[in-house]
Amino acid sequence: KEIAKHRIDCQLTLSDYSMELENMVKERTDELLAVMSEQQRLSAELDLASDIQNSMLPDVYPVFPDRKEFDIHTFIETAVEVGGDLFNYKMLDDDHLMMVIADVCGKGIPAALFMVKITTLISAVSKDIKTAGEIASTVNNLICENNKEDLFATGFVMVAEISTGKITYCSAGHNPPVIMRKGENAMFLEPTPNMVLGAMGGIPYKEESTTLNPGDAILLYTDGVDEAMDKDKNQYGPERLLSLLGDFDGATSSALDLTTMVRKDVAKFVNGEEQSDDITMVSFVYKGK
């Protein structure tokens, strides 16, 4: 009798454990399903945010098919669903073309929202202002008026006078562009350093100028290009970029050719390694009259 009672007690105990285990499995399964559902919702929202963000960036080529004096091409590839890089171009009047590239510090939704803010401000400010330094100064002041998150961005503003080839440019802590002059080695266009956008208001942004000849070209880019890394964490580097662009001839090549050349060489260098940062480029080739 004692043995039989012990067996019954054991069976009841095992039954209790079995029911408890079943309940635990069900609870964990429900929790997992809830997490998966939330992840799917967030993924869908990020996809939508990415679509909205991309729709704000110009995506046509040729950009100004009726203007034979110059050629411009843009490229952007984000490292995550939404990025913090931006570019913009705009005819300020019949003879002046503005080009802007910027890189927001950080990634994800906060950087993307800050990017949208900067893009909107640049478009609004450039309606009345036509100089690179003043565009940068005004945008910076407007950002600093309401920047509770303390976000900032590097940026480069360039205004080209199409009739003469003269360009004025201003850097807000951004990578120096590469200038390719016909018959010369590619070199960095070293501007006077200015404060990054969003760091401090009320400061003037200095601009400089140079003149392009027919066949000259300029590449604006973000640090996702020169800081791209291979599997051994080696960076692509600025010198590799200069070497690649040393033979570029804007007289016989297009802005699309320039962007494609860099994009393919960076991809070859990283050799399938996961992209660590957004890659953005604006290529400008001056053809002259």
C-alpha atoms as a PDB file:
ATOM      1  CA  LYS A   1       0.000   0.000   0.000  1.00  0.00           C
ATOM      2  CA  GLU A   2       2.792   2.416   0.876  1.00  0.00           C
ATOM      3  CA  ILE A   3       4.507   1.708  -2.468  1.00  0.00           C
ATOM      4  CA  ALA A   4       1.244   2.239  -4.356  1.00  0.00           C
ATOM      5  CA  LYS A   5       0.633   5.504  -2.502  1.00  0.00           C
ATOM      6  CA  HIS A   6       4.166   6.673  -3.284  1.00  0.00           C
ATOM      7  CA  ARG A   7       3.642   5.908  -6.969  1.00  0.00           C
ATOM      8  CA  ILE A   8       0.395   7.923  -6.975  1.00  0.00           C
ATOM      9  CA  ASP A   9       2.131  10.842  -5.233  1.00  0.00           C
ATOM     10  CA  CYS A  10       4.922  10.720  -7.819  1.00  0.00           C
ATOM     11  CA  GLN A  11       2.438  10.645 -10.675  1.00  0.00           C
ATOM     12  CA  LEU A  12       0.596  13.641  -9.227  1.00  0.00           C
ATOM     13  CA  THR A  13       3.891  15.508  -8.777  1.00  0.00           C
ATOM     14  CA  LEU A  14       4.972  14.752 -12.359  1.00  0.00           C
ATOM     15  CA  SER A  15       1.579  15.841 -13.584  1.00  0.00           C
ATOM     16  CA  ASP A  16       1.908  19.139 -11.725  1.00  0.00           C
ATOM     17  CA  TYR A  17       5.392  19.678 -13.177  1.00  0.00           C
ATOM     18  CA  SER A  18       4.118  18.843 -16.635  1.00  0.00           C
ATOM     19  CA  MET A  19       1.287  21.356 -16.361  1.00  0.00           C
ATOM     20  CA  GLU A  20       3.628  24.011 -14.990  1.00  0.00           C
ATOM     21  CA  LEU A  21       6.111  23.376 -17.792  1.00  0.00           C
ATOM     22  CA  GLU A  22       3.338  23.546 -20.376  1.00  0.00           C
ATOM     23  CA  ASN A  23       2.163  26.868 -18.958  1.00  0.00           C
ATOM     24  CA  MET A  24       5.708  28.245 -18.984  1.00  0.00           C
ATOM     25  CA  VAL A  25       6.196  27.193 -22.612  1.00  0.00           C
ATOM     26  CA  LYS A  26       2.890  28.810 -23.568  1.00  0.00           C
ATOM     27  CA  GLU A  27       3.817  32.053 -21.780  1.00  0.00           C
ATOM     28  CA  ARG A  28       7.239  32.189 -23.437  1.00  0.00           C
ATOM     29  CA  THR A  29       5.690  31.415 -26.819  1.00  0.00           C
ATOM     30  CA  ASP A  30       3.173  34.233 -26.413  1.00  0.00           C
ATOM     31  CA  GLU A  31       5.959  36.602 -25.382  1.00  0.00           C
ATOM     32  CA  LEU A  32       8.051  35.586 -28.402  1.00  0.00           C
ATOM     33  CA  LEU A  33       5.107  36.057 -30.761  1.00  0.00           C
ATOM     34  CA  ALA A  34       4.477  39.493 -29.277  1.00  0.00           C
ATOM     35  CA  VAL A  35       8.140  40.478 -29.749  1.00  0.00           C
ATOM     36  CA  MET A  36       8.107  39.199 -33.340  1.00  0.00           C
ATOM     37  CA  SER A  37       4.922  41.143 -34.038  1.00  0.00           C
ATOM     38  CA  GLU A  38       6.476  44.317 -32.628  1.00  0.00           C
ATOM     39  CA  GLN A  39       9.635  43.774 -34.669  1.00  0.00           C
ATOM     40  CA  GLN A  40       7.578  43.345 -37.817  1.00  0.00           C
ATOM     41  CA  ARG A  41       5.696  46.545 -37.037  1.00  0.00           C
ATOM     42  CA  LEU A  42       8.919  48.466 -36.433  1.00  0.00           C
ATOM     43  CA  SER A  43      10.435  47.022 -39.598  1.00  0.00           C
ATOM     44  CA  ALA A  44       7.406  48.140 -41.608  1.00  0.00           C
ATOM     45  CA  GLU A  45       7.626  51.626 -40.084  1.00  0.00           C
ATOM     46  CA  LEU A  46      11.353  51.840 -40.862  1.00  0.00           C
ATOM     47  CA  ASP A  47      10.685  50.793 -44.454  1.00  0.00           C
ATOM     48  CA  LEU A  48       8.052  53.515 -44.716  1.00  0.00           C
ATOM     49  CA  ALA A  49      10.426  56.065 -43.151  1.00  0.00           C
ATOM     50  CA  SER A  50      13.103  55.026 -45.642  1.00  0.00           C
ATOM     51  CA  ASP A  51      10.704  55.498 -48.557  1.00  0.00           C
ATOM     52  CA  ILE A  52       9.690  58.948 -47.283  1.00  0.00           C
ATOM     53  CA  GLN A  53      13.323  59.919 -46.751  1.00  0.00           C
ATOM     54  CA  ASN A  54      14.352  58.761 -50.213  1.00  0.00           C
ATOM     55  CA  SER A  55      11.457  60.639 -51.781  1.00  0.00           C
ATOM     56  CA  MET A  56      12.896  63.876 -50.367  1.00  0.00           C
ATOM     57  CA  LEU A  57      16.198  63.372 -52.185  1.00  0.00           C
ATOM     58  CA  PRO A  58      16.393  64.122 -55.918  1.00  0.00           C
ATOM     59  CA  ASP A  59      16.780  60.964 -57.984  1.00  0.00           C
ATOM     60  CA  VAL A  60      16.927  61.792 -61.689  1.00  0.00           C
ATOM     61  CA  TYR A  61      19.633  61.688 -64.342  1.00  0.00           C
ATOM     62  CA  PRO A  62      20.407  63.684 -66.323  1.00  0.00           C
ATOM     63  CA  VAL A  63      19.421  66.306 -63.768  1.00  0.00           C
ATOM     64  CA  PHE A  64      19.148  69.291 -66.113  1.00  0.00           C
ATOM     65  CA  PRO A  65      19.025  67.761 -69.604  1.00  0.00           C
ATOM     66  CA  ASP A  66      18.750  71.160 -71.322  1.00  0.00           C
ATOM     67  CA  ARG A  67      21.929  72.505 -69.730  1.00  0.00           C
ATOM     68  CA  LYS A  68      24.918  71.361 -71.753  1.00  0.00           C
ATOM     69  CA  GLU A  69      27.415  73.525 -69.831  1.00  0.00           C
ATOM     70  CA  PHE A  70      27.603  71.113 -66.904  1.00  0.00           C
ATOM     71  CA  ASP A  71      26.711  67.626 -65.737  1.00  0.00           C
ATOM     72  CA  ILE A  72      25.726  66.509 -62.243  1.00  0.00           C
ATOM     73  CA  HIS A  73      25.031  63.081 -60.753  1.00  0.00           C
ATOM     74  CA  THR A  74      24.219  61.965 -57.200  1.00  0.00           C
ATOM     75  CA  PHE A  75      24.426  58.663 -55.344  1.00  0.00           C
ATOM     76  CA  ILE A  76      23.407  57.555 -51.852  1.00  0.00           C
ATOM     77  CA  GLU A  77      23.494  54.143 -50.166  1.00  0.00           C
ATOM     78  CA  THR A  78      22.480  53.984 -46.515  1.00  0.00           C
ATOM     79  CA  ALA A  79      24.032  51.542 -44.061  1.00  0.00           C
ATOM     80  CA  VAL A  80      20.704  51.026 -42.235  1.00  0.00           C
ATOM     81  CA  GLU A  81      17.046  51.506 -43.193  1.00  0.00           C
ATOM     82  CA  VAL A  82      17.208  55.257 -42.656  1.00  0.00           C
ATOM     83  CA  GLY A  83      20.372  57.294 -42.761  1.00  0.00           C
ATOM     84  CA  GLY A  84      21.798  60.666 -41.807  1.00  0.00           C
ATOM     85  CA  ASP A  85      23.473  61.622 -45.094  1.00  0.00           C
ATOM     86  CA  LEU A  86      21.893  64.153 -47.409  1.00  0.00           C
ATOM     87  CA  PHE A  87      22.543  65.936 -50.666  1.00  0.00           C
ATOM     88  CA  ASN A  88      20.757  68.637 -52.575  1.00  0.00           C
ATOM     89  CA  TYR A  89      21.149  70.659 -55.755  1.00  0.00           C
ATOM     90  CA  LYS A  90      19.196  73.583 -57.077  1.00  0.00           C
ATOM     91  CA  MET A  91      19.378  76.269 -59.756  1.00  0.00           C
ATOM     92  CA  LEU A  92      19.360  79.491 -57.735  1.00  0.00           C
ATOM     93  CA  ASP A  93      18.843  81.448 -60.946  1.00  0.00           C
ATOM     94  CA  ASP A  94      19.644  80.873 -64.606  1.00  0.00           C
ATOM     95  CA  ASP A  95      23.405  81.150 -64.015  1.00  0.00           C
ATOM     96  CA  HIS A  96      24.013  79.768 -60.518  1.00  0.00           C
ATOM     97  CA  LEU A  97      23.822  76.141 -59.373  1.00  0.00           C
ATOM     98  CA  MET A  98      23.906  75.234 -55.665  1.00  0.00           C
ATOM     99  CA  MET A  99      25.152  71.818 -54.526  1.00  0.00           C
ATOM    100  CA  VAL A 100      25.085  70.625 -50.911  1.00  0.00           C
ATOM    101  CA  ILE A 101      26.213  67.467 -49.160  1.00  0.00           C
ATOM    102  CA  ALA A 102      26.024  66.772 -45.416  1.00  0.00           C
ATOM    103  CA  ASP A 103      26.501  64.000 -42.872  1.00  0.00           C
ATOM    104  CA  VAL A 104      24.522  63.987 -39.618  1.00  0.00           C
ATOM    105  CA  CYS A 105      26.304  62.622 -36.564  1.00  0.00           C
ATOM    106  CA  GLY A 106      24.630  59.335 -35.634  1.00  0.00           C
ATOM    107  CA  LYS A 107      22.318  56.875 -37.367  1.00  0.00           C
ATOM    108  CA  GLY A 108      18.736  55.733 -37.296  1.00  0.00           C
ATOM    109  CA  ILE A 109      15.525  57.700 -36.760  1.00  0.00           C
ATOM    110  CA  PRO A 110      17.015  60.714 -34.843  1.00  0.00           C
ATOM    111  CA  ALA A 111      19.666  61.269 -37.525  1.00  0.00           C
ATOM    112  CA  ALA A 112      17.087  60.850 -40.285  1.00  0.00           C
ATOM    113  CA  LEU A 113      14.766  63.434 -38.721  1.00  0.00           C
ATOM    114  CA  PHE A 114      17.657  65.871 -38.307  1.00  0.00           C
ATOM    115  CA  MET A 115      18.573  65.246 -41.943  1.00  0.00           C
ATOM    116  CA  VAL A 116      15.017  66.154 -43.003  1.00  0.00           C
ATOM    117  CA  LYS A 117      15.249  69.345 -40.954  1.00  0.00           C
ATOM    118  CA  ILE A 118      18.506  70.420 -42.602  1.00  0.00           C
ATOM    119  CA  THR A 119      17.210  69.585 -46.088  1.00  0.00           C
ATOM    120  CA  THR A 120      14.087  71.665 -45.516  1.00  0.00           C
ATOM    121  CA  LEU A 121      16.068  74.627 -44.161  1.00  0.00           C
ATOM    122  CA  ILE A 122      18.528  74.582 -47.075  1.00  0.00           C
ATOM    123  CA  SER A 123      15.696  74.608 -49.603  1.00  0.00           C
ATOM    124  CA  ALA A 124      13.968  77.483 -47.814  1.00  0.00           C
ATOM    125  CA  VAL A 125      17.088  79.594 -47.211  1.00  0.00           C
ATOM    126  CA  SER A 126      18.449  79.251 -50.750  1.00  0.00           C
ATOM    127  CA  LYS A 127      15.367  80.959 -52.191  1.00  0.00           C
ATOM    128  CA  ASP A 128      16.754  84.319 -51.077  1.00  0.00           C
ATOM    129  CA  ILE A 129      20.469  83.664 -50.505  1.00  0.00           C
ATOM    130  CA  LYS A 130      22.911  82.805 -53.283  1.00  0.00           C
ATOM    131  CA  THR A 131      26.339  82.631 -51.590  1.00  0.00           C
ATOM    132  CA  ALA A 132      27.753  79.454 -50.065  1.00  0.00           C
ATOM    133  CA  GLY A 133      28.980  81.005 -46.817  1.00  0.00           C
ATOM    134  CA  GLU A 134      25.749  82.850 -46.109  1.00  0.00           C
ATOM    135  CA  ILE A 135      23.652  79.758 -46.841  1.00  0.00           C
ATOM    136  CA  ALA A 136      25.711  77.756 -44.342  1.00  0.00           C
ATOM    137  CA  SER A 137      25.633  80.545 -41.721  1.00  0.00           C
ATOM    138  CA  THR A 138      21.876  81.041 -41.968  1.00  0.00           C
ATOM    139  CA  VAL A 139      21.078  77.329 -41.859  1.00  0.00           C
ATOM    140  CA  ASN A 140      23.359  76.907 -38.840  1.00  0.00           C
ATOM    141  CA  ASN A 141      21.663  79.759 -36.959  1.00  0.00           C
ATOM    142  CA  LEU A 142      18.209  78.348 -37.641  1.00  0.00           C
ATOM    143  CA  ILE A 143      19.279  74.882 -36.445  1.00  0.00           C
ATOM    144  CA  CYS A 144      20.792  76.275 -33.249  1.00  0.00           C
ATOM    145  CA  GLU A 145      17.589  78.163 -32.387  1.00  0.00           C
ATOM    146  CA  ASN A 146      15.906  74.841 -31.589  1.00  0.00           C
ATOM    147  CA  ASN A 147      18.385  72.020 -31.174  1.00  0.00           C
ATOM    148  CA  LYS A 148      17.430  70.478 -27.829  1.00  0.00           C
ATOM    149  CA  GLU A 149      18.846  67.116 -28.882  1.00  0.00           C
ATOM    150  CA  ASP A 150      22.287  68.698 -29.469  1.00  0.00           C
ATOM    151  CA  LEU A 151      22.618  67.010 -32.850  1.00  0.00           C
ATOM    152  CA  PHE A 152      25.055  68.317 -35.428  1.00  0.00           C
ATOM    153  CA  ALA A 153      26.180  67.648 -38.975  1.00  0.00           C
ATOM    154  CA  THR A 154      29.156  68.258 -41.180  1.00  0.00           C
ATOM    155  CA  GLY A 155      28.345  69.876 -44.497  1.00  0.00           C
ATOM    156  CA  PHE A 156      29.723  71.356 -47.695  1.00  0.00           C
ATOM    157  CA  VAL A 157      27.969  74.041 -49.760  1.00  0.00           C
ATOM    158  CA  MET A 158      29.115  74.925 -53.272  1.00  0.00           C
ATOM    159  CA  VAL A 159      27.691  77.477 -55.713  1.00  0.00           C
ATOM    160  CA  ALA A 160      28.823  77.330 -59.342  1.00  0.00           C
ATOM    161  CA  GLU A 161      28.529  80.282 -61.710  1.00  0.00           C
ATOM    162  CA  ILE A 162      27.827  78.446 -64.937  1.00  0.00           C
ATOM    163  CA  SER A 163      28.770  81.202 -67.382  1.00  0.00           C
ATOM    164  CA  THR A 164      32.298  81.641 -65.998  1.00  0.00           C
ATOM    165  CA  GLY A 165      33.106  78.363 -64.217  1.00  0.00           C
ATOM    166  CA  LYS A 166      33.713  80.236 -60.954  1.00  0.00           C
ATOM    167  CA  ILE A 167      32.724  78.296 -57.842  1.00  0.00           C
ATOM    168  CA  THR A 168      32.392  79.537 -54.280  1.00  0.00           C
ATOM    169  CA  TYR A 169      32.416  76.964 -51.535  1.00  0.00           C
ATOM    170  CA  CYS A 170      32.128  76.649 -47.776  1.00  0.00           C
ATOM    171  CA  SER A 171      32.891  73.702 -45.521  1.00  0.00           C
ATOM    172  CA  ALA A 172      31.208  73.064 -42.170  1.00  0.00           C
ATOM    173  CA  GLY A 173      33.734  70.545 -40.856  1.00  0.00           C
ATOM    174  CA  HIS A 174      33.176  68.274 -43.858  1.00  0.00           C
ATOM    175  CA  ASN A 175      35.499  66.077 -45.926  1.00  0.00           C
ATOM    176  CA  PRO A 176      37.399  68.157 -48.498  1.00  0.00           C
ATOM    177  CA  PRO A 177      36.097  67.474 -52.020  1.00  0.00           C
ATOM    178  CA  VAL A 178      38.350  66.187 -54.772  1.00  0.00           C
ATOM    179  CA  ILE A 179      38.975  68.547 -57.695  1.00  0.00           C
ATOM    180  CA  MET A 180      40.107  67.101 -60.998  1.00  0.00           C
ATOM    181  CA  ARG A 181      41.614  69.605 -63.432  1.00  0.00           C
ATOM    182  CA  LYS A 182      42.291  68.570 -66.971  1.00  0.00           C
ATOM    183  CA  GLY A 183      45.949  67.655 -67.409  1.00  0.00           C
ATOM    184  CA  GLU A 184      46.731  67.775 -63.675  1.00  0.00           C
ATOM    185  CA  ASN A 185      46.715  65.314 -60.795  1.00  0.00           C
ATOM    186  CA  ALA A 186      43.574  65.082 -58.683  1.00  0.00           C
ATOM    187  CA  MET A 187      43.850  66.992 -55.419  1.00  0.00           C
ATOM    188  CA  PHE A 188      41.749  67.908 -52.414  1.00  0.00           C
ATOM    189  CA  LEU A 189      39.983  71.247 -52.453  1.00  0.00           C
ATOM    190  CA  GLU A 190      41.088  72.424 -49.020  1.00  0.00           C
ATOM    191  CA  PRO A 191      38.643  75.027 -47.648  1.00  0.00           C
ATOM    192  CA  THR A 192      38.953  77.166 -44.545  1.00  0.00           C
ATOM    193  CA  PRO A 193      37.606  75.035 -41.676  1.00  0.00           C
ATOM    194  CA  ASN A 194      34.335  76.189 -40.143  1.00  0.00           C
ATOM    195  CA  MET A 195      32.218  74.925 -37.245  1.00  0.00           C
ATOM    196  CA  VAL A 196      29.926  71.953 -37.875  1.00  0.00           C
ATOM    197  CA  LEU A 197      26.242  72.772 -38.400  1.00  0.00           C
ATOM    198  CA  GLY A 198      24.260  72.863 -35.162  1.00  0.00           C
ATOM    199  CA  ALA A 199      27.151  73.339 -32.737  1.00  0.00           C
ATOM    200  CA  MET A 200      27.008  77.090 -32.113  1.00  0.00           C
ATOM    201  CA  GLY A 201      24.901  79.903 -33.499  1.00  0.00           C
ATOM    202  CA  GLY A 202      25.883  83.436 -34.452  1.00  0.00           C
ATOM    203  CA  ILE A 203      29.212  82.599 -36.073  1.00  0.00           C
ATOM    204  CA  PRO A 204      30.162  83.560 -39.643  1.00  0.00           C
ATOM    205  CA  TYR A 205      31.050  80.835 -42.141  1.00  0.00           C
ATOM    206  CA  LYS A 206      33.946  81.708 -44.409  1.00  0.00           C
ATOM    207  CA  GLU A 207      33.805  80.859 -48.098  1.00  0.00           C
ATOM    208  CA  GLU A 208      36.449  80.639 -50.783  1.00  0.00           C
ATOM    209  CA  SER A 209      36.446  80.463 -54.560  1.00  0.00           C
ATOM    210  CA  THR A 210      38.230  79.017 -57.546  1.00  0.00           C
ATOM    211  CA  THR A 211      37.504  78.789 -61.262  1.00  0.00           C
ATOM    212  CA  LEU A 212      36.922  75.647 -63.286  1.00  0.00           C
ATOM    213  CA  ASN A 213      37.902  75.224 -66.915  1.00  0.00           C
ATOM    214  CA  PRO A 214      35.953  73.074 -69.372  1.00  0.00           C
ATOM    215  CA  GLY A 215      36.678  69.421 -68.566  1.00  0.00           C
ATOM    216  CA  ASP A 216      37.317  70.015 -64.849  1.00  0.00           C
ATOM    217  CA  ALA A 217      35.305  68.101 -62.254  1.00  0.00           C
ATOM    218  CA  ILE A 218      34.598  68.058 -58.515  1.00  0.00           C
ATOM    219  CA  LEU A 219      33.511  65.153 -56.304  1.00  0.00           C
ATOM    220  CA  LEU A 220      31.666  65.859 -53.047  1.00  0.00           C
ATOM    221  CA  TYR A 221      31.387  62.845 -50.749  1.00  0.00           C
ATOM    222  CA  THR A 222      30.755  61.764 -47.162  1.00  0.00           C
ATOM    223  CA  ASP A 223      33.167  59.807 -44.970  1.00  0.00           C
ATOM    224  CA  GLY A 224      31.390  56.565 -45.831  1.00  0.00           C
ATOM    225  CA  VAL A 225      33.629  56.593 -48.919  1.00  0.00           C
ATOM    226  CA  ASP A 226      37.133  57.078 -47.515  1.00  0.00           C
ATOM    227  CA  GLU A 227      36.353  55.271 -44.240  1.00  0.00           C
ATOM    228  CA  ALA A 228      34.877  52.162 -45.884  1.00  0.00           C
ATOM    229  CA  MET A 229      36.606  49.094 -44.385  1.00  0.00           C
ATOM    230  CA  ASP A 230      37.564  45.640 -45.598  1.00  0.00           C
ATOM    231  CA  LYS A 231      37.414  42.456 -43.496  1.00  0.00           C
ATOM    232  CA  ASP A 232      40.723  43.342 -41.808  1.00  0.00           C
ATOM    233  CA  LYS A 233      39.399  46.783 -40.771  1.00  0.00           C
ATOM    234  CA  ASN A 234      41.657  48.584 -43.237  1.00  0.00           C
ATOM    235  CA  GLN A 235      40.124  51.848 -44.464  1.00  0.00           C
ATOM    236  CA  TYR A 236      39.753  52.763 -48.117  1.00  0.00           C
ATOM    237  CA  GLY A 237      41.529  56.032 -47.346  1.00  0.00           C
ATOM    238  CA  PRO A 238      41.843  59.455 -49.019  1.00  0.00           C
ATOM    239  CA  GLU A 239      45.048  58.634 -50.872  1.00  0.00           C
ATOM    240  CA  ARG A 240      43.409  55.675 -52.622  1.00  0.00           C
ATOM    241  CA  LEU A 241      40.608  58.003 -53.710  1.00  0.00           C
ATOM    242  CA  LEU A 242      43.066  60.536 -55.142  1.00  0.00           C
ATOM    243  CA  SER A 243      44.931  57.793 -56.980  1.00  0.00           C
ATOM    244  CA  LEU A 244      41.707  56.464 -58.500  1.00  0.00           C
ATOM    245  CA  LEU A 245      40.594  59.876 -59.747  1.00  0.00           C
ATOM    246  CA  GLY A 246      44.002  60.958 -61.016  1.00  0.00           C
ATOM    247  CA  ASP A 247      43.196  60.130 -64.634  1.00  0.00           C
ATOM    248  CA  PHE A 248      39.586  61.276 -64.720  1.00  0.00           C
ATOM    249  CA  ASP A 249      38.892  63.537 -67.709  1.00  0.00           C
ATOM    250  CA  GLY A 250      35.678  65.521 -67.563  1.00  0.00           C
ATOM    251  CA  ALA A 251      36.027  66.428 -71.249  1.00  0.00           C
ATOM    252  CA  THR A 252      35.345  62.836 -72.296  1.00  0.00           C
ATOM    253  CA  SER A 253      33.520  61.464 -69.216  1.00  0.00           C
ATOM    254  CA  SER A 254      30.263  62.241 -67.451  1.00  0.00           C
ATOM    255  CA  ALA A 255      29.322  62.883 -63.837  1.00  0.00           C
ATOM    256  CA  LEU A 256      27.686  59.439 -63.847  1.00  0.00           C
ATOM    257  CA  ASP A 257      31.028  57.939 -64.923  1.00  0.00           C
ATOM    258  CA  LEU A 258      32.725  59.662 -61.985  1.00  0.00           C
ATOM    259  CA  THR A 259      30.247  58.430 -59.389  1.00  0.00           C
ATOM    260  CA  THR A 260      30.229  54.913 -60.830  1.00  0.00           C
ATOM    261  CA  MET A 261      34.036  54.753 -60.837  1.00  0.00           C
ATOM    262  CA  VAL A 262      34.239  55.532 -57.127  1.00  0.00           C
ATOM    263  CA  ARG A 263      31.314  53.311 -56.159  1.00  0.00           C
ATOM    264  CA  LYS A 264      32.779  50.279 -57.946  1.00  0.00           C
ATOM    265  CA  ASP A 265      36.270  50.802 -56.545  1.00  0.00           C
ATOM    266  CA  VAL A 266      34.988  51.094 -52.971  1.00  0.00           C
ATOM    267  CA  ALA A 267      32.880  47.948 -53.444  1.00  0.00           C
ATOM    268  CA  LYS A 268      35.921  46.108 -54.805  1.00  0.00           C
ATOM    269  CA  PHE A 269      37.995  47.211 -51.815  1.00  0.00           C
ATOM    270  CA  VAL A 270      35.515  46.125 -49.104  1.00  0.00           C
ATOM    271  CA  ASN A 271      34.918  42.860 -51.010  1.00  0.00           C
ATOM    272  CA  GLY A 272      31.502  42.092 -49.561  1.00  0.00           C
ATOM    273  CA  GLU A 273      32.190  43.345 -46.037  1.00  0.00           C
ATOM    274  CA  GLU A 274      29.124  44.821 -44.332  1.00  0.00           C
ATOM    275  CA  GLN A 275      28.724  48.557 -44.911  1.00  0.00           C
ATOM    276  CA  SER A 276      29.474  50.513 -41.729  1.00  0.00           C
ATOM    277  CA  ASP A 277      28.341  53.991 -42.763  1.00  0.00           C
ATOM    278  CA  ASP A 278      26.206  55.781 -45.334  1.00  0.00           C
ATOM    279  CA  ILE A 279      27.902  56.441 -48.673  1.00  0.00           C
ATOM    280  CA  THR A 280      26.868  59.612 -50.487  1.00  0.00           C
ATOM    281  CA  MET A 281      28.379  61.397 -53.477  1.00  0.00           C
ATOM    282  CA  VAL A 282      27.680  64.413 -55.673  1.00  0.00           C
ATOM    283  CA  SER A 283      29.670  64.540 -58.916  1.00  0.00           C
ATOM    284  CA  PHE A 284      29.938  67.773 -60.912  1.00  0.00           C
ATOM    285  CA  VAL A 285      31.586  68.090 -64.312  1.00  0.00           C
ATOM    286  CA  TYR A 286      31.990  71.513 -65.900  1.00  0.00           C
ATOM    287  CA  LYS A 287      31.673  71.431 -69.666  1.00  0.00           C
ATOM    288  CA  GLY A 288      31.714  75.143 -70.409  1.00  0.00           C
ATOM    289  CA  LYS A 289      30.029  76.762 -73.380  1.00  0.00           C
END
